[in-house]
Amino acid sequence: MRLKNEFKTFLEEELKLELSKEKTHITHVNEGFDFLGFHVQRYASAHDRPKVLVTPAQENQKKLKLKFKSYP
């Protein structure tokens, strides 16, 4: 909770942005999260260093597929 409050203060004071209580969730990066239309998730394997994968969010992928299907 402390980290969320610090982040909220930073966003409000430095960037003039506001956290949405309905949309803001605390989750582990291994579980992944959607941010600004992208899905961010860390993958860790026993053999390699952890990697962060950033892909379009599922909703954006669906929109893109529909756009391609409707293209003449």
N, C-alpha and C. Protein backbone atom coordinates (compact mmCIF):
# COMPACT_ATOMS: atom_id res chain seq x y z
N MET A 1 0.82 -1.18 0.00
CA MET A 1 0.00 0.00 0.00
C MET A 1 0.87 1.25 0.00
N ARG A 2 2.01 1.21 0.70
CA ARG A 2 2.90 2.36 0.76
C ARG A 2 3.39 2.74 -0.64
N LEU A 3 3.77 1.72 -1.40
CA LEU A 3 4.27 1.96 -2.75
C LEU A 3 3.19 2.57 -3.64
N LYS A 4 1.97 2.09 -3.50
CA LYS A 4 0.87 2.64 -4.29
C LYS A 4 0.66 4.12 -3.95
N ASN A 5 0.75 4.47 -2.68
CA ASN A 5 0.60 5.87 -2.27
C ASN A 5 1.74 6.74 -2.80
N GLU A 6 2.95 6.21 -2.77
CA GLU A 6 4.09 6.97 -3.31
C GLU A 6 3.93 7.18 -4.81
N PHE A 7 3.50 6.15 -5.51
CA PHE A 7 3.30 6.26 -6.95
C PHE A 7 2.19 7.26 -7.27
N LYS A 8 1.11 7.20 -6.49
CA LYS A 8 0.00 8.13 -6.67
C LYS A 8 0.47 9.57 -6.49
N THR A 9 1.27 9.82 -5.46
CA THR A 9 1.81 11.16 -5.21
C THR A 9 2.69 11.61 -6.37
N PHE A 10 3.55 10.73 -6.84
CA PHE A 10 4.42 11.06 -7.97
C PHE A 10 3.60 11.43 -9.21
N LEU A 11 2.61 10.61 -9.53
CA LEU A 11 1.79 10.88 -10.71
C LEU A 11 1.07 12.22 -10.60
N GLU A 12 0.52 12.49 -9.42
CA GLU A 12 -0.25 13.72 -9.24
C GLU A 12 0.63 14.96 -9.22
N GLU A 13 1.73 14.91 -8.49
CA GLU A 13 2.57 16.10 -8.33
C GLU A 13 3.50 16.34 -9.51
N GLU A 14 4.10 15.29 -10.03
CA GLU A 14 5.09 15.45 -11.09
C GLU A 14 4.49 15.45 -12.49
N LEU A 15 3.53 14.56 -12.70
CA LEU A 15 3.00 14.38 -14.06
C LEU A 15 1.59 14.95 -14.23
N LYS A 16 1.00 15.40 -13.13
CA LYS A 16 -0.36 15.96 -13.17
C LYS A 16 -1.37 14.94 -13.70
N LEU A 17 -1.20 13.67 -13.29
CA LEU A 17 -2.09 12.58 -13.67
C LEU A 17 -2.81 12.06 -12.43
N GLU A 18 -3.91 11.35 -12.65
CA GLU A 18 -4.71 10.85 -11.53
C GLU A 18 -4.91 9.34 -11.70
N LEU A 19 -4.71 8.59 -10.62
CA LEU A 19 -4.97 7.15 -10.64
C LEU A 19 -6.47 6.90 -10.55
N SER A 20 -6.96 5.98 -11.35
CA SER A 20 -8.35 5.57 -11.26
C SER A 20 -8.47 4.44 -10.24
N LYS A 21 -9.27 4.64 -9.21
CA LYS A 21 -9.42 3.61 -8.18
C LYS A 21 -10.06 2.35 -8.77
N GLU A 22 -10.93 2.50 -9.77
CA GLU A 22 -11.59 1.35 -10.38
C GLU A 22 -10.64 0.54 -11.25
N LYS A 23 -9.68 1.19 -11.89
CA LYS A 23 -8.79 0.52 -12.84
C LYS A 23 -7.46 0.12 -12.24
N THR A 24 -7.08 0.67 -11.10
CA THR A 24 -5.76 0.43 -10.54
C THR A 24 -5.77 -0.83 -9.68
N HIS A 25 -4.94 -1.79 -10.09
CA HIS A 25 -4.81 -3.05 -9.36
C HIS A 25 -3.33 -3.31 -9.11
N ILE A 26 -3.03 -3.87 -7.97
CA ILE A 26 -1.65 -4.25 -7.67
C ILE A 26 -1.51 -5.73 -7.98
N THR A 27 -0.54 -6.04 -8.83
CA THR A 27 -0.32 -7.42 -9.24
C THR A 27 1.18 -7.65 -9.41
N HIS A 28 1.57 -8.88 -9.42
CA HIS A 28 2.97 -9.21 -9.64
C HIS A 28 3.25 -9.19 -11.13
N VAL A 29 4.41 -8.72 -11.51
CA VAL A 29 4.76 -8.60 -12.93
C VAL A 29 4.79 -9.97 -13.62
N ASN A 30 5.00 -11.04 -12.88
CA ASN A 30 4.96 -12.38 -13.47
C ASN A 30 3.54 -12.74 -13.93
N GLU A 31 2.52 -12.17 -13.28
CA GLU A 31 1.14 -12.42 -13.67
C GLU A 31 0.76 -11.59 -14.89
N GLY A 32 1.46 -10.50 -15.11
CA GLY A 32 1.20 -9.64 -16.25
C GLY A 32 0.12 -8.61 -15.96
N PHE A 33 0.13 -7.54 -16.75
CA PHE A 33 -0.87 -6.49 -16.60
C PHE A 33 -0.98 -5.72 -17.91
N ASP A 34 -2.14 -5.11 -18.11
CA ASP A 34 -2.35 -4.27 -19.29
C ASP A 34 -2.09 -2.82 -18.92
N PHE A 35 -1.38 -2.13 -19.81
CA PHE A 35 -1.05 -0.72 -19.58
C PHE A 35 -0.99 -0.01 -20.92
N LEU A 36 -1.81 0.99 -21.09
CA LEU A 36 -1.85 1.81 -22.31
C LEU A 36 -1.95 0.97 -23.58
N GLY A 37 -2.80 -0.04 -23.53
CA GLY A 37 -3.05 -0.86 -24.71
C GLY A 37 -2.06 -2.00 -24.94
N PHE A 38 -1.14 -2.19 -24.01
CA PHE A 38 -0.17 -3.26 -24.13
C PHE A 38 -0.23 -4.18 -22.92
N HIS A 39 0.12 -5.44 -23.13
CA HIS A 39 0.21 -6.40 -22.04
C HIS A 39 1.69 -6.58 -21.70
N VAL A 40 2.03 -6.39 -20.43
CA VAL A 40 3.42 -6.47 -19.96
C VAL A 40 3.51 -7.66 -19.01
N GLN A 41 4.47 -8.55 -19.26
CA GLN A 41 4.62 -9.71 -18.39
C GLN A 41 6.08 -10.14 -18.36
N ARG A 42 6.55 -10.52 -17.17
CA ARG A 42 7.92 -11.02 -17.03
C ARG A 42 7.89 -12.54 -17.07
N TYR A 43 8.84 -13.10 -17.80
CA TYR A 43 9.00 -14.54 -17.88
C TYR A 43 10.36 -14.90 -17.31
N ALA A 44 10.36 -15.84 -16.40
CA ALA A 44 11.61 -16.29 -15.80
C ALA A 44 11.74 -17.79 -16.03
N SER A 45 12.90 -18.20 -16.52
CA SER A 45 13.16 -19.63 -16.67
C SER A 45 14.36 -19.98 -15.81
N ALA A 46 14.54 -21.24 -15.59
CA ALA A 46 15.63 -21.70 -14.74
C ALA A 46 16.99 -21.48 -15.39
N HIS A 47 17.02 -21.38 -16.73
CA HIS A 47 18.30 -21.32 -17.45
C HIS A 47 18.72 -19.91 -17.85
N ASP A 48 17.77 -19.03 -18.03
CA ASP A 48 18.07 -17.69 -18.52
C ASP A 48 17.69 -16.63 -17.49
N ARG A 49 18.17 -15.43 -17.76
CA ARG A 49 17.74 -14.29 -16.94
C ARG A 49 16.28 -13.98 -17.26
N PRO A 50 15.55 -13.40 -16.31
CA PRO A 50 14.15 -13.04 -16.59
C PRO A 50 14.06 -12.06 -17.76
N LYS A 51 12.99 -12.19 -18.53
CA LYS A 51 12.74 -11.32 -19.67
C LYS A 51 11.37 -10.68 -19.52
N VAL A 52 11.23 -9.48 -20.03
CA VAL A 52 9.94 -8.80 -20.02
C VAL A 52 9.42 -8.80 -21.46
N LEU A 53 8.21 -9.29 -21.62
CA LEU A 53 7.57 -9.34 -22.92
C LEU A 53 6.44 -8.32 -22.95
N VAL A 54 6.46 -7.46 -23.96
CA VAL A 54 5.42 -6.44 -24.13
C VAL A 54 4.73 -6.72 -25.46
N THR A 55 3.44 -7.01 -25.40
CA THR A 55 2.66 -7.32 -26.59
C THR A 55 1.39 -6.48 -26.58
N PRO A 56 0.73 -6.35 -27.73
CA PRO A 56 -0.55 -5.64 -27.71
C PRO A 56 -1.54 -6.38 -26.81
N ALA A 57 -2.35 -5.64 -26.08
CA ALA A 57 -3.35 -6.24 -25.20
C ALA A 57 -4.35 -7.04 -26.03
N GLN A 58 -5.00 -8.04 -25.42
CA GLN A 58 -5.95 -8.90 -26.12
C GLN A 58 -7.01 -8.09 -26.86
N GLU A 59 -7.55 -7.07 -26.22
CA GLU A 59 -8.59 -6.25 -26.84
C GLU A 59 -8.07 -5.57 -28.10
N ASN A 60 -6.85 -5.09 -28.07
CA ASN A 60 -6.26 -4.44 -29.25
C ASN A 60 -5.97 -5.47 -30.35
N GLN A 61 -5.60 -6.67 -29.97
CA GLN A 61 -5.38 -7.73 -30.97
C GLN A 61 -6.68 -8.06 -31.69
N LYS A 62 -7.79 -8.13 -30.94
CA LYS A 62 -9.10 -8.41 -31.54
C LYS A 62 -9.48 -7.32 -32.53
N LYS A 63 -9.28 -6.06 -32.13
CA LYS A 63 -9.61 -4.94 -33.01
C LYS A 63 -8.79 -4.99 -34.30
N LEU A 64 -7.51 -5.32 -34.18
CA LEU A 64 -6.64 -5.39 -35.34
C LEU A 64 -7.07 -6.52 -36.28
N LYS A 65 -7.42 -7.67 -35.71
CA LYS A 65 -7.88 -8.79 -36.53
C LYS A 65 -9.16 -8.43 -37.29
N LEU A 66 -10.09 -7.75 -36.63
CA LEU A 66 -11.32 -7.32 -37.29
C LEU A 66 -11.02 -6.34 -38.42
N LYS A 67 -10.05 -5.47 -38.19
CA LYS A 67 -9.68 -4.50 -39.21
C LYS A 67 -9.12 -5.21 -40.45
N PHE A 68 -8.29 -6.22 -40.24
CA PHE A 68 -7.72 -6.96 -41.37
C PHE A 68 -8.78 -7.75 -42.12
N LYS A 69 -9.74 -8.32 -41.37
CA LYS A 69 -10.81 -9.09 -42.01
C LYS A 69 -11.68 -8.19 -42.89
N SER A 70 -11.88 -6.96 -42.49
CA SER A 70 -12.74 -6.07 -43.25
C SER A 70 -12.00 -5.35 -44.37
N TYR A 71 -10.69 -5.54 -44.46
CA TYR A 71 -9.88 -4.88 -45.50
C TYR A 71 -10.15 -5.55 -46.83
N PRO A 72 -10.40 -4.76 -47.89
CA PRO A 72 -10.75 -5.37 -49.19
C PRO A 72 -9.64 -6.12 -49.82
